[in-house]
Amino acid sequence: ITKHMKPSMQNQQGGIVRQEGPIDISNVMYLH
């Protein structure tokens, strides 16, 4: 997902950040 971040102490620049979004646990299967 894309997230618009305000400038902060950790992220001085701010801007648009791409990060993982949550998925329901029922929509994944363990790989063995």
PDB file of all heavy atoms in Angstrom:
ATOM      1  N   ILE A   1       0.852  -1.186   0.000  1.00  0.00           N
ATOM      2  CA  ILE A   1       0.000   0.000   0.000  1.00  0.00           C
ATOM      3  C   ILE A   1       0.891   1.240   0.000  1.00  0.00           C
ATOM      4  O   ILE A   1       2.056   1.168   0.387  1.00  0.00           O
ATOM      5  CB  ILE A   1      -0.949   0.025   1.220  1.00  0.00           C
ATOM      6  CG1 ILE A   1      -0.156  -0.002   2.532  1.00  0.00           C
ATOM      7  CG2 ILE A   1      -1.952  -1.101   1.167  1.00  0.00           C
ATOM      8  CD1 ILE A   1      -0.992   0.205   3.762  1.00  0.00           C
ATOM      9  N   THR A   2       0.337   2.359  -0.474  1.00  0.00           N
ATOM     10  CA  THR A   2       1.077   3.618  -0.417  1.00  0.00           C
ATOM     11  C   THR A   2       0.530   4.433   0.736  1.00  0.00           C
ATOM     12  O   THR A   2      -0.676   4.511   0.942  1.00  0.00           O
ATOM     13  CB  THR A   2       0.939   4.417  -1.724  1.00  0.00           C
ATOM     14  OG1 THR A   2      -0.434   4.602  -2.006  1.00  0.00           O
ATOM     15  CG2 THR A   2       1.607   3.708  -2.871  1.00  0.00           C
ATOM     16  N   LYS A   3       1.449   5.030   1.485  1.00  0.00           N
ATOM     17  CA  LYS A   3       1.064   5.805   2.659  1.00  0.00           C
ATOM     18  C   LYS A   3       1.749   7.161   2.573  1.00  0.00           C
ATOM     19  O   LYS A   3       2.944   7.238   2.296  1.00  0.00           O
ATOM     20  CB  LYS A   3       1.503   5.054   3.920  1.00  0.00           C
ATOM     21  CG  LYS A   3       0.946   5.607   5.195  1.00  0.00           C
ATOM     22  CD  LYS A   3       1.197   4.659   6.340  1.00  0.00           C
ATOM     23  CE  LYS A   3       0.542   5.178   7.591  1.00  0.00           C
ATOM     24  NZ  LYS A   3       0.738   4.299   8.720  1.00  0.00           N
ATOM     25  N   HIS A   4       0.989   8.228   2.804  1.00  0.00           N
ATOM     26  CA  HIS A   4       1.536   9.572   2.774  1.00  0.00           C
ATOM     27  C   HIS A   4       1.993   9.939   4.185  1.00  0.00           C
ATOM     28  O   HIS A   4       1.183  10.038   5.095  1.00  0.00           O
ATOM     29  CB  HIS A   4       0.475  10.561   2.266  1.00  0.00           C
ATOM     30  CG  HIS A   4       0.059  10.267   0.865  1.00  0.00           C
ATOM     31  ND1 HIS A   4       0.592  10.909  -0.205  1.00  0.00           N
ATOM     32  CD2 HIS A   4      -0.809   9.364   0.354  1.00  0.00           C
ATOM     33  CE1 HIS A   4       0.053  10.437  -1.322  1.00  0.00           C
ATOM     34  NE2 HIS A   4      -0.799   9.488  -0.994  1.00  0.00           N
ATOM     35  N   MET A   5       3.312  10.137   4.347  1.00  0.00           N
ATOM     36  CA  MET A   5       3.895  10.375   5.659  1.00  0.00           C
ATOM     37  C   MET A   5       4.251  11.849   5.826  1.00  0.00           C
ATOM     38  O   MET A   5       4.850  12.455   4.944  1.00  0.00           O
ATOM     39  CB  MET A   5       5.167   9.541   5.827  1.00  0.00           C
ATOM     40  CG  MET A   5       4.961   8.049   5.678  1.00  0.00           C
ATOM     41  SD  MET A   5       4.043   7.312   7.011  1.00  0.00           S
ATOM     42  CE  MET A   5       5.290   7.269   8.264  1.00  0.00           C
ATOM     43  N   LYS A   6       3.894  12.407   6.964  1.00  0.00           N
ATOM     44  CA  LYS A   6       4.305  13.765   7.313  1.00  0.00           C
ATOM     45  C   LYS A   6       5.762  13.729   7.757  1.00  0.00           C
ATOM     46  O   LYS A   6       6.204  12.721   8.321  1.00  0.00           O
ATOM     47  CB  LYS A   6       3.469  14.276   8.490  1.00  0.00           C
ATOM     48  CG  LYS A   6       2.232  15.017   8.127  1.00  0.00           C
ATOM     49  CD  LYS A   6       1.623  15.562   9.412  1.00  0.00           C
ATOM     50  CE  LYS A   6       0.575  16.605   9.122  1.00  0.00           C
ATOM     51  NZ  LYS A   6      -0.050  17.068  10.360  1.00  0.00           N
ATOM     52  N   PRO A   7       6.502  14.808   7.562  1.00  0.00           N
ATOM     53  CA  PRO A   7       7.863  14.835   8.108  1.00  0.00           C
ATOM     54  C   PRO A   7       7.829  14.722   9.638  1.00  0.00           C
ATOM     55  O   PRO A   7       6.995  15.328  10.300  1.00  0.00           O
ATOM     56  CB  PRO A   7       8.387  16.201   7.678  1.00  0.00           C
ATOM     57  CG  PRO A   7       7.574  16.575   6.503  1.00  0.00           C
ATOM     58  CD  PRO A   7       6.218  15.966   6.739  1.00  0.00           C
ATOM     59  N   SER A   8       8.711  13.894  10.188  1.00  0.00           N
ATOM     60  CA  SER A   8       8.786  13.703  11.636  1.00  0.00           C
ATOM     61  C   SER A   8      10.249  13.539  12.032  1.00  0.00           C
ATOM     62  O   SER A   8      11.138  13.629  11.193  1.00  0.00           O
ATOM     63  CB  SER A   8       7.978  12.467  12.046  1.00  0.00           C
ATOM     64  OG  SER A   8       8.562  11.312  11.491  1.00  0.00           O
ATOM     65  N   MET A   9      10.500  13.279  13.289  1.00  0.00           N
ATOM     66  CA  MET A   9      11.877  13.110  13.759  1.00  0.00           C
ATOM     67  C   MET A   9      12.523  11.859  13.139  1.00  0.00           C
ATOM     68  O   MET A   9      13.691  11.875  12.794  1.00  0.00           O
ATOM     69  CB  MET A   9      11.921  13.007  15.288  1.00  0.00           C
ATOM     70  CG  MET A   9      11.539  14.296  15.991  1.00  0.00           C
ATOM     71  SD  MET A   9      12.562  15.687  15.527  1.00  0.00           S
ATOM     72  CE  MET A   9      13.988  15.384  16.534  1.00  0.00           C
ATOM     73  N   GLN A  10      11.764  10.768  13.007  1.00  0.00           N
ATOM     74  CA  GLN A  10      12.310   9.554  12.414  1.00  0.00           C
ATOM     75  C   GLN A  10      12.445   9.690  10.901  1.00  0.00           C
ATOM     76  O   GLN A  10      13.401   9.220  10.309  1.00  0.00           O
ATOM     77  CB  GLN A  10      11.429   8.331  12.715  1.00  0.00           C
ATOM     78  CG  GLN A  10      11.464   7.874  14.144  1.00  0.00           C
ATOM     79  CD  GLN A  10      10.430   8.557  15.003  1.00  0.00           C
ATOM     80  OE1 GLN A  10       9.571   9.286  14.506  1.00  0.00           O
ATOM     81  NE2 GLN A  10      10.525   8.363  16.317  1.00  0.00           N
ATOM     82  N   ASN A  11      11.437  10.310  10.254  1.00  0.00           N
ATOM     83  CA  ASN A  11      11.413  10.463   8.802  1.00  0.00           C
ATOM     84  C   ASN A  11      11.465  11.960   8.488  1.00  0.00           C
ATOM     85  O   ASN A  11      10.429  12.599   8.354  1.00  0.00           O
ATOM     86  CB  ASN A  11      10.142   9.801   8.236  1.00  0.00           C
ATOM     87  CG  ASN A  11      10.122   9.802   6.732  1.00  0.00           C
ATOM     88  OD1 ASN A  11      11.080  10.181   6.090  1.00  0.00           O
ATOM     89  ND2 ASN A  11       9.015   9.373   6.169  1.00  0.00           N
ATOM     90  N   GLN A  12      12.671  12.498   8.373  1.00  0.00           N
ATOM     91  CA  GLN A  12      12.847  13.933   8.174  1.00  0.00           C
ATOM     92  C   GLN A  12      12.240  14.412   6.851  1.00  0.00           C
ATOM     93  O   GLN A  12      11.703  15.498   6.771  1.00  0.00           O
ATOM     94  CB  GLN A  12      14.344  14.282   8.193  1.00  0.00           C
ATOM     95  CG  GLN A  12      15.035  13.981   9.504  1.00  0.00           C
ATOM     96  CD  GLN A  12      14.764  15.044  10.559  1.00  0.00           C
ATOM     97  OE1 GLN A  12      14.515  16.187  10.241  1.00  0.00           O
ATOM     98  NE2 GLN A  12      14.804  14.631  11.822  1.00  0.00           N
ATOM     99  N   GLN A  13      12.339  13.576   5.820  1.00  0.00           N
ATOM    100  CA  GLN A  13      11.906  13.960   4.479  1.00  0.00           C
ATOM    101  C   GLN A  13      10.387  13.915   4.334  1.00  0.00           C
ATOM    102  O   GLN A  13       9.797  14.757   3.687  1.00  0.00           O
ATOM    103  CB  GLN A  13      12.551  13.023   3.451  1.00  0.00           C
ATOM    104  CG  GLN A  13      12.423  13.459   2.013  1.00  0.00           C
ATOM    105  CD  GLN A  13      13.232  14.724   1.716  1.00  0.00           C
ATOM    106  OE1 GLN A  13      14.104  15.097   2.482  1.00  0.00           O
ATOM    107  NE2 GLN A  13      12.918  15.367   0.626  1.00  0.00           N
ATOM    108  N   GLY A  14       9.743  12.903   4.902  1.00  0.00           N
ATOM    109  CA  GLY A  14       8.308  12.715   4.687  1.00  0.00           C
ATOM    110  C   GLY A  14       8.090  12.136   3.304  1.00  0.00           C
ATOM    111  O   GLY A  14       8.961  11.500   2.738  1.00  0.00           O
ATOM    112  N   GLY A  15       6.908  12.349   2.719  1.00  0.00           N
ATOM    113  CA  GLY A  15       6.639  11.893   1.357  1.00  0.00           C
ATOM    114  C   GLY A  15       5.786  10.643   1.303  1.00  0.00           C
ATOM    115  O   GLY A  15       5.140  10.269   2.277  1.00  0.00           O
ATOM    116  N   ILE A  16       5.800   9.996   0.130  1.00  0.00           N
ATOM    117  CA  ILE A  16       4.977   8.810  -0.110  1.00  0.00           C
ATOM    118  C   ILE A  16       5.831   7.571   0.144  1.00  0.00           C
ATOM    119  O   ILE A  16       6.907   7.419  -0.416  1.00  0.00           O
ATOM    120  CB  ILE A  16       4.422   8.818  -1.537  1.00  0.00           C
ATOM    121  CG1 ILE A  16       3.545  10.057  -1.743  1.00  0.00           C
ATOM    122  CG2 ILE A  16       3.629   7.551  -1.809  1.00  0.00           C
ATOM    123  CD1 ILE A  16       3.096  10.271  -3.159  1.00  0.00           C
ATOM    124  N   VAL A  17       5.330   6.681   0.988  1.00  0.00           N
ATOM    125  CA  VAL A  17       6.044   5.463   1.377  1.00  0.00           C
ATOM    126  C   VAL A  17       5.212   4.255   0.978  1.00  0.00           C
ATOM    127  O   VAL A  17       3.996   4.230   1.170  1.00  0.00           O
ATOM    128  CB  VAL A  17       6.291   5.445   2.908  1.00  0.00           C
ATOM    129  CG1 VAL A  17       6.990   4.179   3.331  1.00  0.00           C
ATOM    130  CG2 VAL A  17       7.073   6.668   3.335  1.00  0.00           C
ATOM    131  N   ARG A  18       5.885   3.229   0.401  1.00  0.00           N
ATOM    132  CA  ARG A  18       5.199   1.964   0.095  1.00  0.00           C
ATOM    133  C   ARG A  18       5.542   0.971   1.197  1.00  0.00           C
ATOM    134  O   ARG A  18       6.706   0.802   1.551  1.00  0.00           O
ATOM    135  CB  ARG A  18       5.635   1.423  -1.262  1.00  0.00           C
ATOM    136  CG  ARG A  18       5.065   2.236  -2.400  1.00  0.00           C
ATOM    137  CD  ARG A  18       5.308   1.671  -3.774  1.00  0.00           C
ATOM    138  NE  ARG A  18       4.956   0.284  -4.003  1.00  0.00           N
ATOM    139  CZ  ARG A  18       3.716  -0.198  -4.172  1.00  0.00           C
ATOM    140  NH1 ARG A  18       2.695   0.618  -4.106  1.00  0.00           N
ATOM    141  NH2 ARG A  18       3.511  -1.473  -4.404  1.00  0.00           N
ATOM    142  N   GLN A  19       4.490   0.338   1.752  1.00  0.00           N
ATOM    143  CA  GLN A  19       4.707  -0.644   2.813  1.00  0.00           C
ATOM    144  C   GLN A  19       3.662  -1.735   2.725  1.00  0.00           C
ATOM    145  O   GLN A  19       2.679  -1.615   1.996  1.00  0.00           O
ATOM    146  CB  GLN A  19       4.677   0.024   4.187  1.00  0.00           C
ATOM    147  CG  GLN A  19       3.346   0.636   4.549  1.00  0.00           C
ATOM    148  CD  GLN A  19       3.396   1.382   5.865  1.00  0.00           C
ATOM    149  OE1 GLN A  19       4.399   1.995   6.194  1.00  0.00           O
ATOM    150  NE2 GLN A  19       2.314   1.343   6.607  1.00  0.00           N
ATOM    151  N   GLU A  20       3.893  -2.814   3.473  1.00  0.00           N
ATOM    152  CA  GLU A  20       2.973  -3.952   3.476  1.00  0.00           C
ATOM    153  C   GLU A  20       1.709  -3.615   4.240  1.00  0.00           C
ATOM    154  O   GLU A  20       1.760  -2.979   5.284  1.00  0.00           O
ATOM    155  CB  GLU A  20       3.625  -5.181   4.114  1.00  0.00           C
ATOM    156  CG  GLU A  20       4.750  -5.784   3.318  1.00  0.00           C
ATOM    157  CD  GLU A  20       6.096  -5.148   3.576  1.00  0.00           C
ATOM    158  OE1 GLU A  20       6.183  -4.223   4.408  1.00  0.00           O
ATOM    159  OE2 GLU A  20       7.067  -5.574   2.930  1.00  0.00           O
ATOM    160  N   GLY A  21       0.583  -4.074   3.715  1.00  0.00           N
ATOM    161  CA  GLY A  21      -0.696  -3.919   4.398  1.00  0.00           C
ATOM    162  C   GLY A  21      -1.091  -5.238   5.043  1.00  0.00           C
ATOM    163  O   GLY A  21      -0.594  -6.303   4.667  1.00  0.00           O
ATOM    164  N   PRO A  22      -1.988  -5.202   6.027  1.00  0.00           N
ATOM    165  CA  PRO A  22      -2.382  -6.439   6.712  1.00  0.00           C
ATOM    166  C   PRO A  22      -3.245  -7.339   5.828  1.00  0.00           C
ATOM    167  O   PRO A  22      -4.015  -6.866   5.005  1.00  0.00           O
ATOM    168  CB  PRO A  22      -3.179  -5.936   7.912  1.00  0.00           C
ATOM    169  CG  PRO A  22      -3.633  -4.574   7.534  1.00  0.00           C
ATOM    170  CD  PRO A  22      -2.634  -4.019   6.584  1.00  0.00           C
ATOM    171  N   ILE A  23      -3.077  -8.653   6.016  1.00  0.00           N
ATOM    172  CA  ILE A  23      -3.863  -9.676   5.316  1.00  0.00           C
ATOM    173  C   ILE A  23      -4.516 -10.541   6.377  1.00  0.00           C
ATOM    174  O   ILE A  23      -3.889 -10.859   7.389  1.00  0.00           O
ATOM    175  CB  ILE A  23      -2.969 -10.571   4.450  1.00  0.00           C
ATOM    176  CG1 ILE A  23      -2.203  -9.745   3.427  1.00  0.00           C
ATOM    177  CG2 ILE A  23      -3.777 -11.632   3.744  1.00  0.00           C
ATOM    178  CD1 ILE A  23      -1.224 -10.566   2.632  1.00  0.00           C
ATOM    179  N   ASP A  24      -5.756 -10.945   6.146  1.00  0.00           N
ATOM    180  CA  ASP A  24      -6.426 -11.840   7.094  1.00  0.00           C
ATOM    181  C   ASP A  24      -5.708 -13.179   7.101  1.00  0.00           C
ATOM    182  O   ASP A  24      -5.266 -13.677   6.055  1.00  0.00           O
ATOM    183  CB  ASP A  24      -7.888 -12.014   6.723  1.00  0.00           C
ATOM    184  CG  ASP A  24      -8.677 -12.607   7.872  1.00  0.00           C
ATOM    185  OD1 ASP A  24      -9.131 -11.854   8.741  1.00  0.00           O
ATOM    186  OD2 ASP A  24      -8.830 -13.851   7.900  1.00  0.00           O
ATOM    187  N   ILE A  25      -5.604 -13.772   8.263  1.00  0.00           N
ATOM    188  CA  ILE A  25      -4.854 -15.015   8.421  1.00  0.00           C
ATOM    189  C   ILE A  25      -5.483 -16.176   7.648  1.00  0.00           C
ATOM    190  O   ILE A  25      -4.799 -17.101   7.255  1.00  0.00           O
ATOM    191  CB  ILE A  25      -4.703 -15.332   9.927  1.00  0.00           C
ATOM    192  CG1 ILE A  25      -3.310 -15.811  10.225  1.00  0.00           C
ATOM    193  CG2 ILE A  25      -5.707 -16.311  10.419  1.00  0.00           C
ATOM    194  CD1 ILE A  25      -2.926 -15.739  11.651  1.00  0.00           C
ATOM    195  N   SER A  26      -6.797 -16.092   7.376  1.00  0.00           N
ATOM    196  CA  SER A  26      -7.475 -17.154   6.638  1.00  0.00           C
ATOM    197  C   SER A  26      -7.127 -17.136   5.155  1.00  0.00           C
ATOM    198  O   SER A  26      -7.430 -18.092   4.443  1.00  0.00           O
ATOM    199  CB  SER A  26      -8.987 -17.030   6.810  1.00  0.00           C
ATOM    200  OG  SER A  26      -9.439 -15.826   6.210  1.00  0.00           O
ATOM    201  N   ASN A  27      -6.496 -16.065   4.673  1.00  0.00           N
ATOM    202  CA  ASN A  27      -6.159 -15.948   3.254  1.00  0.00           C
ATOM    203  C   ASN A  27      -4.743 -16.402   2.925  1.00  0.00           C
ATOM    204  O   ASN A  27      -4.282 -16.193   1.804  1.00  0.00           O
ATOM    205  CB  ASN A  27      -6.343 -14.492   2.792  1.00  0.00           C
ATOM    206  CG  ASN A  27      -7.789 -14.086   2.806  1.00  0.00           C
ATOM    207  OD1 ASN A  27      -8.678 -14.923   2.781  1.00  0.00           O
ATOM    208  ND2 ASN A  27      -8.039 -12.802   2.859  1.00  0.00           N
ATOM    209  N   VAL A  28      -4.052 -17.031   3.875  1.00  0.00           N
ATOM    210  CA  VAL A  28      -2.708 -17.541   3.614  1.00  0.00           C
ATOM    211  C   VAL A  28      -2.610 -18.998   4.052  1.00  0.00           C
ATOM    212  O   VAL A  28      -3.366 -19.459   4.904  1.00  0.00           O
ATOM    213  CB  VAL A  28      -1.610 -16.715   4.330  1.00  0.00           C
ATOM    214  CG1 VAL A  28      -1.610 -15.287   3.854  1.00  0.00           C
ATOM    215  CG2 VAL A  28      -1.753 -16.781   5.823  1.00  0.00           C
ATOM    216  N   MET A  29      -1.666 -19.716   3.421  1.00  0.00           N
ATOM    217  CA  MET A  29      -1.374 -21.103   3.806  1.00  0.00           C
ATOM    218  C   MET A  29       0.117 -21.240   4.060  1.00  0.00           C
ATOM    219  O   MET A  29       0.941 -20.640   3.362  1.00  0.00           O
ATOM    220  CB  MET A  29      -1.776 -22.088   2.709  1.00  0.00           C
ATOM    221  CG  MET A  29      -3.214 -22.493   2.729  1.00  0.00           C
ATOM    222  SD  MET A  29      -3.558 -23.812   1.563  1.00  0.00           S
ATOM    223  CE  MET A  29      -3.464 -25.224   2.632  1.00  0.00           C
ATOM    224  N   TYR A  30       0.452 -22.045   5.035  1.00  0.00           N
ATOM    225  CA  TYR A  30       1.845 -22.313   5.382  1.00  0.00           C
ATOM    226  C   TYR A  30       2.510 -23.092   4.248  1.00  0.00           C
ATOM    227  O   TYR A  30       1.911 -24.003   3.665  1.00  0.00           O
ATOM    228  CB  TYR A  30       1.890 -23.121   6.682  1.00  0.00           C
ATOM    229  CG  TYR A  30       3.282 -23.457   7.135  1.00  0.00           C
ATOM    230  CD1 TYR A  30       4.043 -22.515   7.806  1.00  0.00           C
ATOM    231  CD2 TYR A  30       3.829 -24.710   6.885  1.00  0.00           C
ATOM    232  CE1 TYR A  30       5.328 -22.822   8.227  1.00  0.00           C
ATOM    233  CE2 TYR A  30       5.108 -25.017   7.301  1.00  0.00           C
ATOM    234  CZ  TYR A  30       5.856 -24.068   7.961  1.00  0.00           C
ATOM    235  OH  TYR A  30       7.122 -24.366   8.358  1.00  0.00           O
ATOM    236  N   LEU A  31       3.766 -22.740   3.915  1.00  0.00           N
ATOM    237  CA  LEU A  31       4.524 -23.465   2.897  1.00  0.00           C
ATOM    238  C   LEU A  31       5.495 -24.422   3.572  1.00  0.00           C
ATOM    239  O   LEU A  31       6.327 -24.007   4.377  1.00  0.00           O
ATOM    240  CB  LEU A  31       5.308 -22.496   2.012  1.00  0.00           C
ATOM    241  CG  LEU A  31       4.545 -21.783   0.921  1.00  0.00           C
ATOM    242  CD1 LEU A  31       5.487 -20.895   0.132  1.00  0.00           C
ATOM    243  CD2 LEU A  31       3.860 -22.747   0.004  1.00  0.00           C
ATOM    244  N   HIS A  32       5.369 -25.705   3.235  1.00  0.00           N
ATOM    245  CA  HIS A  32       6.267 -26.728   3.763  1.00  0.00           C
ATOM    246  C   HIS A  32       6.927 -27.411   2.574  1.00  0.00           C
ATOM    247  O   HIS A  32       6.245 -28.035   1.758  1.00  0.00           O
ATOM    248  CB  HIS A  32       5.482 -27.737   4.603  1.00  0.00           C
ATOM    249  CG  HIS A  32       6.328 -28.812   5.197  1.00  0.00           C
ATOM    250  ND1 HIS A  32       7.263 -28.542   6.169  1.00  0.00           N
ATOM    251  CD2 HIS A  32       6.399 -30.132   4.946  1.00  0.00           C
ATOM    252  CE1 HIS A  32       7.856 -29.672   6.506  1.00  0.00           C
ATOM    253  NE2 HIS A  32       7.347 -30.643   5.769  1.00  0.00           N
TER     254      HIS A  32
END
